[in-house]
Amino acid sequence: MEVNIPGIIAVIVFYLVILAIGLWAARRGAKKEAEAEGAPESEQVILAGRDIGVVIGIMTMTATWVGGGYINGTAEVIFDPKQGLIWCQAPFGYSTSLLLGGLLFAKKMRSEGYVTMLDPFQQRYGERMGGLLFIPALLADVCWCGSILAALGTTLTVILGLDVNVSIIISAAIAVSYTLFGGLFSVIYTDIIQLICIFIGLWISVPFAITNPLVSDIGNTTWTRILYTPVNDSSGNGTSFNETETYGWYGEWDMKRSGYWIDHALLLVFGGIPWQAYFQRVLSSKSPARAQGLSIAAGIGCFLMSIPSVLIGAIGASTDWPNTTYGKDPAIEGEKRMILPLVIQHLTPTWVAFLGLGAVSAAVMSSTDSSVLASSSMFAKNVYKPLFRQKASETEIVWVMRAAIFVVAALASVLAITVKSVYGLFVLCSDLVYVVVFPQLVSVVYLKFTNTYGSLCGYIIGLVLRLGGGEDLLHIPAVIKYPYYDETTGKQLFPFRTLDMICSFLTIILVSHLARLLFLKGKIPMKYDIAGCFHTAEEKQAATRDSNVVNGKSIGEHHELETMN
C-alpha cells in the first residue's frame, strides 16, 4: 500500500495538538490540586476536583461513548451487506442509556458523594464483593478500549500503509504516554478536542464524498446495492469484476433474529449505564442536579454525532469501488471495519482527507484515556487499597493507578489484534456489564434490603449463565443452548442475555430476603453471618436497648414501643 505523506503529516499535527492539550490540562490540574484543601490527591486525579462546568460537562459526557468504536463501528454496520441500518443499534442504544442514566442514577449517585462507581457496592456489600464486581467492569473497559484501538489501527493502516497490528500497538503506546500524569483533567480537555475534531472532520468529508462521481445516489441503494467480486482476467488486461446485487445499506429484517435484535437493543440501553467512565463524569459534576442535566443533554448529543457515520456507511455502500484509487470492494475483501477511513481517503480531495483522517485518528486516540483511567481508578481505589494496602498513602495510590494504565492498555491491545470486528468488540464491551453489573447497580441504589449474600449469588448466576451461552467473537462455544439455538451458525437467537440479567436480578432479591429471614428469625446462628450483614445490625439494636435502660426506660417499655411500631 502506498504511503500517504499528507496523511502522515495530518496525523502528526493532530497528535501533537492532542498531546499538547493533555499536558496543558495536566499542569492545570496539578495547580488546582495544590490549591485544593482537604480533598485527597487520588480523588483530585479521579474526579478533577468535582468542578466541571456546563458546556465542558456536556461535551465530555457525550464523548463517553462517541469515540473510535462508535464512529467507525456505526459506519461498518451500515456498510456491511449482511447488516445495514436496521441492525445498527449503537446510536439509539447508547443515547438512550445516557438519558436513562441521567433520569434514574446520576442524581442519586452524585448526591451520595461517591468517588467511583464501586463505592456504593463496597459500602453495602463489603470490600471483597466490590473487588469481585471490579472484574466484569475491567473486562468491559478492556473491550471498550480494544474497540477504540482497533478503530485507530484501521485508520492508521489506511493512512500510513502499516500492518493493522503494528498500528494498534503504536496507537496504544501513544495514548498511554500522555494519559499517565493528567488524570481526569487531561481526559476532560482532550474529550473536548476529540468531539470538535470528529464533528469537523466528518462533516467536512461527507459533502465531498457524497458528490464524488463514483458514488451513486444513496437514496437508490437503500434496498439494493452492487458487490464487486474480482475475477482473474486471462487476457492479461488486469482484474475484472463480477457485479452481483445484494441488500442495500438499509438492510433486511430477519424474523428469526428478532430475539437477537431485542437482546442487543436492551443490552446497549441498560448495559451502557454501569460504567466507571460514565459515572466518573457524573461524580465530578458540581451538583446532583447538574449531573442529571449533563447526562440527558449528552444523550441527545450522542445520537446527533452518529449521523455523519451513518452517511459515510451509506456512501461506502453506494460506491463503484473498482474504479476508485483503492481498486477493490472492501465488503468482498473482508475490510468492512475500515470503511470510514477508506471513504475519506479515496473519495475526498487531498486536503479534505488531510483534515478528516487526521482529526478522526487524533480524536479516536484521545478517547482511549477514558477507559484506561476508569479501570485504573477503580483498581487503585476499590481493590488495591482496601484489599491489599489499607494504609497506602495517596501518592502510592496515584502511582498504582498509573501502573494499572499500562496493564489495561496491554490487555486492550491484545483484544484489538485478536477480534476482527470493531462493532462486534464495541457491543461485546457492554455484555458482562449488562448481565452482571446492571442488576447489581439497580439493587444497591434502589433496593436497600439487598445484602452481600444476594449480591454474591446473583453475581455467580449471571456469570455462569452468560458464559454458558458462549460467544462466537471470542470463540467460546455454547454449553447452554437456549431456545431457537441455531446449530448451523452457532448463534443464540433467543434473547438469552436479557434472561440471564433477569435471573441474576431475581436471585439477588430472593437470596437477600431468604438470608435476612433465616438470620433474623434465628434459623441460622449469627456466628455464621460471615459477611457481617446482620450481626452488626443486631449489635446496634442491643446498644440502643442498653442506652434506653441507662436513660431510665425499662426493657418492657422498650419492647412495648417496638411492638407498637
Foldseek 3Di string as FASTA:
>chain_A
DDAAVLQVVLQVVLLVVLLVLLVVLLVVLVVVVVVDPPDFPLLCLLQVQLADDQVLLLLLLLLLQPFLLQLLQQLLQLQALAHFPVLRQQLLLLLLQLLCLLVPPLLLVQVVLDSFLLVLVCVFANLVLSVVVLVLLLLLLLLQLLLLLLSLLLLCCVNGVDDSLVSSVVLLVSLLVSLQRNGVSSLSRSSNLLVVLLVVLLVLQLVQLCPFPQFDNLVVQQFKFWAWAWDDDPVPPDIHTDIDMGGGSNHDDDPLQPQVSVLLSLLSNLLSNSHRLNVSSSNSHNHSVSSSVSSNSSSVVSSVSNVSSSSLSSRLRRGPQCPWPNRHRCNNVVNSSSSNLVSLVTRHDPVSNSSNSSSNSSSSSSSSSSSLLSSLSCCLPRPCCPPPNVPDGSVRSSVSSSVSSVVSSVSSSVLSVLFSRSNVSNSVSSQCSQLQVSLVSCCSSPPSLFYNQLNVVLNVQSVVQVLLCADVRVPRQHNDADPSQDPVVRDRSHSSSVVSNVSSNVSRVVRSVVVVCCDVVVVDDPVPVVSPNPVVVVVVVVVVLVVCVVVPDDPVNVVVVVVVD
